[in-house]
Amino acid sequence: MLYTNLKHIETAADHTKIINENENVMVICGRMGPMCIPVYGIAEDIENEYQHVKFYDMEFDNPESNIIRNLPEVRGFQGIPFTIYYKNGKVVKASSSIQSKQQVIFILDNEFAETVNA
């Protein structure tokens, strides 16, 4: 169990349901370690500013997280957490290791830009 204030994904089935039922989803797959905790904190800090994005975590060592660990987009990643951005059920961006708030916001703004109906 990850001790964050994010919503937790515990099974591959839950993961599939979440990404298929929500347009924009960010999943941080990691541990409670020094490279992961700052990324969870960033997501917790900005979650309210990005109402159109659903934020989740998933425990890296859970056998169910193979749904993330086996993605072609993470092949070659050497650091955790794996942060996966899904739009309409498909991976649109994946990153690994520690990131700054600016890096996360840049990805969210580029991949999940809100459209304004004029």
C-alpha atoms as a PDB file:
ATOM      1  CA  MET A   1       0.000   0.000   0.000  1.00  0.00           C
ATOM      2  CA  LEU A   2       1.244   3.444  -0.886  1.00  0.00           C
ATOM      3  CA  TYR A   3       0.753   6.064   1.792  1.00  0.00           C
ATOM      4  CA  THR A   4      -0.332   8.974  -0.374  1.00  0.00           C
ATOM      5  CA  ASN A   5      -3.451  11.084  -0.559  1.00  0.00           C
ATOM      6  CA  LEU A   6      -4.027   9.970  -4.148  1.00  0.00           C
ATOM      7  CA  LYS A   7      -6.616   7.414  -5.146  1.00  0.00           C
ATOM      8  CA  HIS A   8      -5.059   3.947  -5.277  1.00  0.00           C
ATOM      9  CA  ILE A   9      -5.251   1.377  -8.064  1.00  0.00           C
ATOM     10  CA  GLU A  10      -4.834  -2.109  -6.649  1.00  0.00           C
ATOM     11  CA  THR A  11      -5.653  -4.423  -9.564  1.00  0.00           C
ATOM     12  CA  ALA A  12      -5.061  -4.578 -13.296  1.00  0.00           C
ATOM     13  CA  ALA A  13      -8.839  -4.783 -13.755  1.00  0.00           C
ATOM     14  CA  ASP A  14      -9.313  -1.545 -11.776  1.00  0.00           C
ATOM     15  CA  HIS A  15      -6.586   0.091 -13.871  1.00  0.00           C
ATOM     16  CA  THR A  16      -8.293  -0.876 -17.121  1.00  0.00           C
ATOM     17  CA  LYS A  17     -11.689   0.304 -15.869  1.00  0.00           C
ATOM     18  CA  ILE A  18     -10.295   3.668 -14.701  1.00  0.00           C
ATOM     19  CA  ILE A  19      -8.438   4.500 -17.913  1.00  0.00           C
ATOM     20  CA  ASN A  20     -11.396   3.446 -20.052  1.00  0.00           C
ATOM     21  CA  GLU A  21     -13.990   5.407 -18.045  1.00  0.00           C
ATOM     22  CA  ASN A  22     -12.040   8.673 -17.721  1.00  0.00           C
ATOM     23  CA  GLU A  23     -10.769  10.862 -20.538  1.00  0.00           C
ATOM     24  CA  ASN A  24      -7.558  12.046 -18.822  1.00  0.00           C
ATOM     25  CA  VAL A  25      -5.702   9.933 -16.275  1.00  0.00           C
ATOM     26  CA  MET A  26      -2.264  10.213 -14.657  1.00  0.00           C
ATOM     27  CA  VAL A  27      -0.952   7.105 -12.876  1.00  0.00           C
ATOM     28  CA  ILE A  28       2.206   7.186 -10.790  1.00  0.00           C
ATOM     29  CA  CYS A  29       3.560   3.673 -10.349  1.00  0.00           C
ATOM     30  CA  GLY A  30       6.235   3.547  -7.672  1.00  0.00           C
ATOM     31  CA  ARG A  31       7.271   2.889  -4.090  1.00  0.00           C
ATOM     32  CA  MET A  32       7.545   5.018  -0.968  1.00  0.00           C
ATOM     33  CA  GLY A  33      11.120   5.955  -1.868  1.00  0.00           C
ATOM     34  CA  PRO A  34      13.095   9.167  -2.362  1.00  0.00           C
ATOM     35  CA  MET A  35      12.546   9.339  -6.143  1.00  0.00           C
ATOM     36  CA  CYS A  36       8.807   8.621  -5.918  1.00  0.00           C
ATOM     37  CA  ILE A  37       7.565  10.597  -2.912  1.00  0.00           C
ATOM     38  CA  PRO A  38       8.196  14.024  -4.514  1.00  0.00           C
ATOM     39  CA  VAL A  39       6.173  13.017  -7.597  1.00  0.00           C
ATOM     40  CA  TYR A  40       3.239  11.887  -5.430  1.00  0.00           C
ATOM     41  CA  GLY A  41       3.472  15.220  -3.607  1.00  0.00           C
ATOM     42  CA  ILE A  42       3.354  17.167  -6.858  1.00  0.00           C
ATOM     43  CA  ALA A  43       0.249  15.266  -7.973  1.00  0.00           C
ATOM     44  CA  GLU A  44      -1.400  15.880  -4.594  1.00  0.00           C
ATOM     45  CA  ASP A  45      -0.553  19.601  -4.788  1.00  0.00           C
ATOM     46  CA  ILE A  46      -1.965  20.165  -8.279  1.00  0.00           C
ATOM     47  CA  GLU A  47      -4.874  17.712  -8.310  1.00  0.00           C
ATOM     48  CA  ASN A  48      -7.427  20.432  -7.501  1.00  0.00           C
ATOM     49  CA  GLU A  49      -6.103  22.680 -10.295  1.00  0.00           C
ATOM     50  CA  TYR A  50      -6.639  19.933 -12.889  1.00  0.00           C
ATOM     51  CA  GLN A  51     -10.267  18.938 -12.333  1.00  0.00           C
ATOM     52  CA  HIS A  52     -10.363  17.422 -15.837  1.00  0.00           C
ATOM     53  CA  VAL A  53      -7.593  14.924 -14.944  1.00  0.00           C
ATOM     54  CA  LYS A  54      -7.910  11.916 -12.609  1.00  0.00           C
ATOM     55  CA  PHE A  55      -4.801  11.282 -10.475  1.00  0.00           C
ATOM     56  CA  TYR A  56      -3.921   7.808  -9.175  1.00  0.00           C
ATOM     57  CA  ASP A  57      -1.043   5.835  -7.765  1.00  0.00           C
ATOM     58  CA  MET A  58      -0.204   2.143  -8.100  1.00  0.00           C
ATOM     59  CA  GLU A  59       2.319   0.153  -6.106  1.00  0.00           C
ATOM     60  CA  PHE A  60       5.259  -0.824  -8.335  1.00  0.00           C
ATOM     61  CA  ASP A  61       5.900  -4.113  -6.511  1.00  0.00           C
ATOM     62  CA  ASN A  62       2.296  -5.288  -6.726  1.00  0.00           C
ATOM     63  CA  PRO A  63       2.115  -8.135  -9.284  1.00  0.00           C
ATOM     64  CA  GLU A  64      -0.974  -6.378 -10.694  1.00  0.00           C
ATOM     65  CA  SER A  65       1.162  -3.404 -11.766  1.00  0.00           C
ATOM     66  CA  ASN A  66       2.620  -5.523 -14.565  1.00  0.00           C
ATOM     67  CA  ILE A  67      -0.083  -3.803 -16.624  1.00  0.00           C
ATOM     68  CA  ILE A  68       2.141  -0.709 -16.350  1.00  0.00           C
ATOM     69  CA  ARG A  69       5.579  -2.331 -16.081  1.00  0.00           C
ATOM     70  CA  ASN A  70       4.998  -4.209 -19.368  1.00  0.00           C
ATOM     71  CA  LEU A  71       3.904  -1.211 -21.449  1.00  0.00           C
ATOM     72  CA  PRO A  72       6.059  -0.693 -24.551  1.00  0.00           C
ATOM     73  CA  GLU A  73       6.326   2.992 -23.575  1.00  0.00           C
ATOM     74  CA  VAL A  74       8.306   2.120 -20.415  1.00  0.00           C
ATOM     75  CA  ARG A  75      10.757  -0.255 -22.050  1.00  0.00           C
ATOM     76  CA  GLY A  76      14.198   1.028 -21.184  1.00  0.00           C
ATOM     77  CA  PHE A  77      13.096   3.030 -18.136  1.00  0.00           C
ATOM     78  CA  GLN A  78      15.651   2.622 -15.367  1.00  0.00           C
ATOM     79  CA  GLY A  79      14.186   4.706 -12.561  1.00  0.00           C
ATOM     80  CA  ILE A  80      10.905   4.794 -10.718  1.00  0.00           C
ATOM     81  CA  PRO A  81       8.302   6.042 -10.480  1.00  0.00           C
ATOM     82  CA  PHE A  82       6.861   5.306 -13.878  1.00  0.00           C
ATOM     83  CA  THR A  83       4.366   8.093 -14.554  1.00  0.00           C
ATOM     84  CA  ILE A  84       1.873   7.234 -17.263  1.00  0.00           C
ATOM     85  CA  TYR A  85      -0.525   9.706 -18.869  1.00  0.00           C
ATOM     86  CA  TYR A  86      -3.612   8.224 -20.541  1.00  0.00           C
ATOM     87  CA  LYS A  87      -6.067   9.990 -22.831  1.00  0.00           C
ATOM     88  CA  ASN A  88      -9.203   8.099 -23.833  1.00  0.00           C
ATOM     89  CA  GLY A  89      -7.671   4.816 -22.650  1.00  0.00           C
ATOM     90  CA  LYS A  90      -4.399   5.189 -24.581  1.00  0.00           C
ATOM     91  CA  VAL A  91      -0.918   6.123 -23.378  1.00  0.00           C
ATOM     92  CA  VAL A  92      -0.040   9.597 -24.646  1.00  0.00           C
ATOM     93  CA  LYS A  93       3.085  10.136 -22.533  1.00  0.00           C
ATOM     94  CA  ALA A  94       5.253   8.191 -20.122  1.00  0.00           C
ATOM     95  CA  SER A  95       8.087   9.412 -17.930  1.00  0.00           C
ATOM     96  CA  SER A  96      10.291   7.929 -15.254  1.00  0.00           C
ATOM     97  CA  SER A  97      12.231   8.913 -12.172  1.00  0.00           C
ATOM     98  CA  ILE A  98      11.923  12.072 -10.131  1.00  0.00           C
ATOM     99  CA  GLN A  99      10.419  15.102 -11.834  1.00  0.00           C
ATOM    100  CA  SER A 100       9.884  18.727 -10.963  1.00  0.00           C
ATOM    101  CA  LYS A 101       6.479  20.325 -10.653  1.00  0.00           C
ATOM    102  CA  GLN A 102       7.233  22.305 -13.822  1.00  0.00           C
ATOM    103  CA  GLN A 103       7.949  19.104 -15.766  1.00  0.00           C
ATOM    104  CA  VAL A 104       4.685  17.489 -14.624  1.00  0.00           C
ATOM    105  CA  ILE A 105       2.648  20.628 -15.377  1.00  0.00           C
ATOM    106  CA  PHE A 106       4.243  20.894 -18.830  1.00  0.00           C
ATOM    107  CA  ILE A 107       3.107  17.354 -19.675  1.00  0.00           C
ATOM    108  CA  LEU A 108      -0.381  17.867 -18.229  1.00  0.00           C
ATOM    109  CA  ASP A 109      -0.833  21.128 -20.149  1.00  0.00           C
ATOM    110  CA  ASN A 110       0.418  19.617 -23.409  1.00  0.00           C
ATOM    111  CA  GLU A 111      -1.387  16.287 -23.248  1.00  0.00           C
ATOM    112  CA  PHE A 112      -4.586  17.264 -21.441  1.00  0.00           C
ATOM    113  CA  ALA A 113      -5.210  20.839 -22.551  1.00  0.00           C
ATOM    114  CA  GLU A 114      -8.762  21.862 -21.847  1.00  0.00           C
ATOM    115  CA  THR A 115     -10.669  22.957 -24.902  1.00  0.00           C
ATOM    116  CA  VAL A 116     -12.724  26.086 -24.627  1.00  0.00           C
ATOM    117  CA  ASN A 117     -16.043  26.079 -26.454  1.00  0.00           C
ATOM    118  CA  ALA A 118     -16.558  29.473 -28.042  1.00  0.00           C
END
